C-alpha atoms as a PDB file:
ATOM      1  CA  MET A   1     -41.153  -9.436 -33.117  1.00  0.00           C
ATOM      2  CA  ARG A   2     -41.514 -11.323 -36.174  1.00  0.00           C
ATOM      3  CA  ARG A   3     -45.130 -10.151 -36.557  1.00  0.00           C
ATOM      4  CA  ALA A   4     -44.045  -6.392 -36.369  1.00  0.00           C
ATOM      5  CA  VAL A   5     -41.109  -6.753 -38.644  1.00  0.00           C
ATOM      6  CA  ASN A   6     -43.121  -8.942 -41.354  1.00  0.00           C
ATOM      7  CA  TYR A   7     -46.112  -6.681 -40.955  1.00  0.00           C
ATOM      8  CA  LEU A   8     -45.127  -2.767 -40.606  1.00  0.00           C
ATOM      9  CA  LEU A   9     -48.629  -1.533 -40.169  1.00  0.00           C
ATOM     10  CA  ASP A  10     -49.572  -4.165 -37.323  1.00  0.00           C
ATOM     11  CA  LEU A  11     -49.963  -1.576 -34.312  1.00  0.00           C
ATOM     12  CA  GLN A  12     -50.513  -4.343 -31.723  1.00  0.00           C
ATOM     13  CA  ALA A  13     -46.969  -6.063 -32.477  1.00  0.00           C
ATOM     14  CA  HIS A  14     -45.457  -2.619 -32.207  1.00  0.00           C
ATOM     15  CA  GLU A  15     -47.427  -1.753 -29.073  1.00  0.00           C
ATOM     16  CA  SER A  16     -46.062  -5.291 -27.763  1.00  0.00           C
ATOM     17  CA  ILE A  17     -42.714  -4.528 -28.441  1.00  0.00           C
ATOM     18  CA  ALA A  18     -42.425  -0.977 -26.923  1.00  0.00           C
ATOM     19  CA  TYR A  19     -44.129  -2.584 -23.682  1.00  0.00           C
ATOM     20  CA  ALA A  20     -41.432  -5.260 -23.403  1.00  0.00           C
ATOM     21  CA  GLN A  21     -38.941  -2.371 -23.919  1.00  0.00           C
ATOM     22  CA  PHE A  22     -40.517  -0.710 -21.083  1.00  0.00           C
ATOM     23  CA  LEU A  23     -40.361  -3.592 -18.658  1.00  0.00           C
ATOM     24  CA  ALA A  24     -36.930  -4.263 -19.468  1.00  0.00           C
ATOM     25  CA  GLY A  25     -36.011  -0.974 -18.721  1.00  0.00           C
ATOM     26  CA  MET A  26     -37.646  -1.124 -15.312  1.00  0.00           C
ATOM     27  CA  ALA A  27     -35.979  -4.147 -14.498  1.00  0.00           C
ATOM     28  CA  PHE A  28     -32.400  -2.913 -15.635  1.00  0.00           C
ATOM     29  CA  ASN A  29     -32.853   0.090 -13.386  1.00  0.00           C
ATOM     30  CA  ASN A  30     -34.141  -2.087 -10.614  1.00  0.00           C
ATOM     31  CA  ALA A  31     -31.143  -4.011 -10.836  1.00  0.00           C
ATOM     32  CA  SER A  32     -28.869  -1.065 -10.810  1.00  0.00           C
ATOM     33  CA  GLN A  33     -27.530  -2.277 -14.369  1.00  0.00           C
ATOM     34  CA  GLY A  34     -26.165   1.245 -14.955  1.00  0.00           C
ATOM     35  CA  TYR A  35     -23.498   1.070 -12.209  1.00  0.00           C
ATOM     36  CA  VAL A  36     -22.575  -2.577 -13.052  1.00  0.00           C
ATOM     37  CA  GLN A  37     -22.091  -1.381 -16.783  1.00  0.00           C
ATOM     38  CA  THR A  38     -19.796   1.379 -15.937  1.00  0.00           C
ATOM     39  CA  LEU A  39     -17.956  -0.811 -13.424  1.00  0.00           C
ATOM     40  CA  ALA A  40     -17.547  -3.853 -16.238  1.00  0.00           C
ATOM     41  CA  TRP A  41     -16.428  -1.326 -18.892  1.00  0.00           C
ATOM     42  CA  GLN A  42     -13.574  -0.188 -16.948  1.00  0.00           C
ATOM     43  CA  VAL A  43     -12.800  -3.887 -15.655  1.00  0.00           C
ATOM     44  CA  SER A  44     -13.048  -5.125 -19.350  1.00  0.00           C
ATOM     45  CA  HIS A  45     -10.521  -2.752 -20.692  1.00  0.00           C
ATOM     46  CA  PHE A  46      -8.246  -3.288 -17.626  1.00  0.00           C
ATOM     47  CA  TYR A  47      -8.182  -7.053 -17.956  1.00  0.00           C
ATOM     48  CA  HIS A  48      -8.711  -7.223 -21.584  1.00  0.00           C
ATOM     49  CA  GLN A  49     -11.911  -9.364 -21.060  1.00  0.00           C
ATOM     50  CA  PRO A  50     -15.300  -9.006 -23.073  1.00  0.00           C
ATOM     51  CA  LEU A  51     -17.861  -6.845 -21.494  1.00  0.00           C
ATOM     52  CA  THR A  52     -20.557  -9.410 -21.358  1.00  0.00           C
ATOM     53  CA  ILE A  53     -18.349 -11.505 -19.134  1.00  0.00           C
ATOM     54  CA  CYS A  54     -17.569  -8.660 -16.744  1.00  0.00           C
ATOM     55  CA  ASN A  55     -21.105  -7.737 -16.554  1.00  0.00           C
ATOM     56  CA  ALA A  56     -21.861 -11.364 -15.545  1.00  0.00           C
ATOM     57  CA  VAL A  57     -19.156 -11.390 -12.935  1.00  0.00           C
ATOM     58  CA  LEU A  58     -20.215  -7.920 -11.232  1.00  0.00           C
ATOM     59  CA  LEU A  59     -23.953  -8.497 -11.437  1.00  0.00           C
ATOM     60  CA  PRO A  60     -24.573 -10.669  -8.434  1.00  0.00           C
END
């Protein structure tokens, strides 16, 4: 990532970041992260807790 930021014309670095984002999206999709995020948002507002904590509790 540093290489992509420091050298804006380094296409190899930008391609690597794009591929990493693609893999992360696939991982979140396989983990049903969208459902967890939706539930966590509701729970976090109801119990006044940080969203990240609610995600961590609901994800398993």
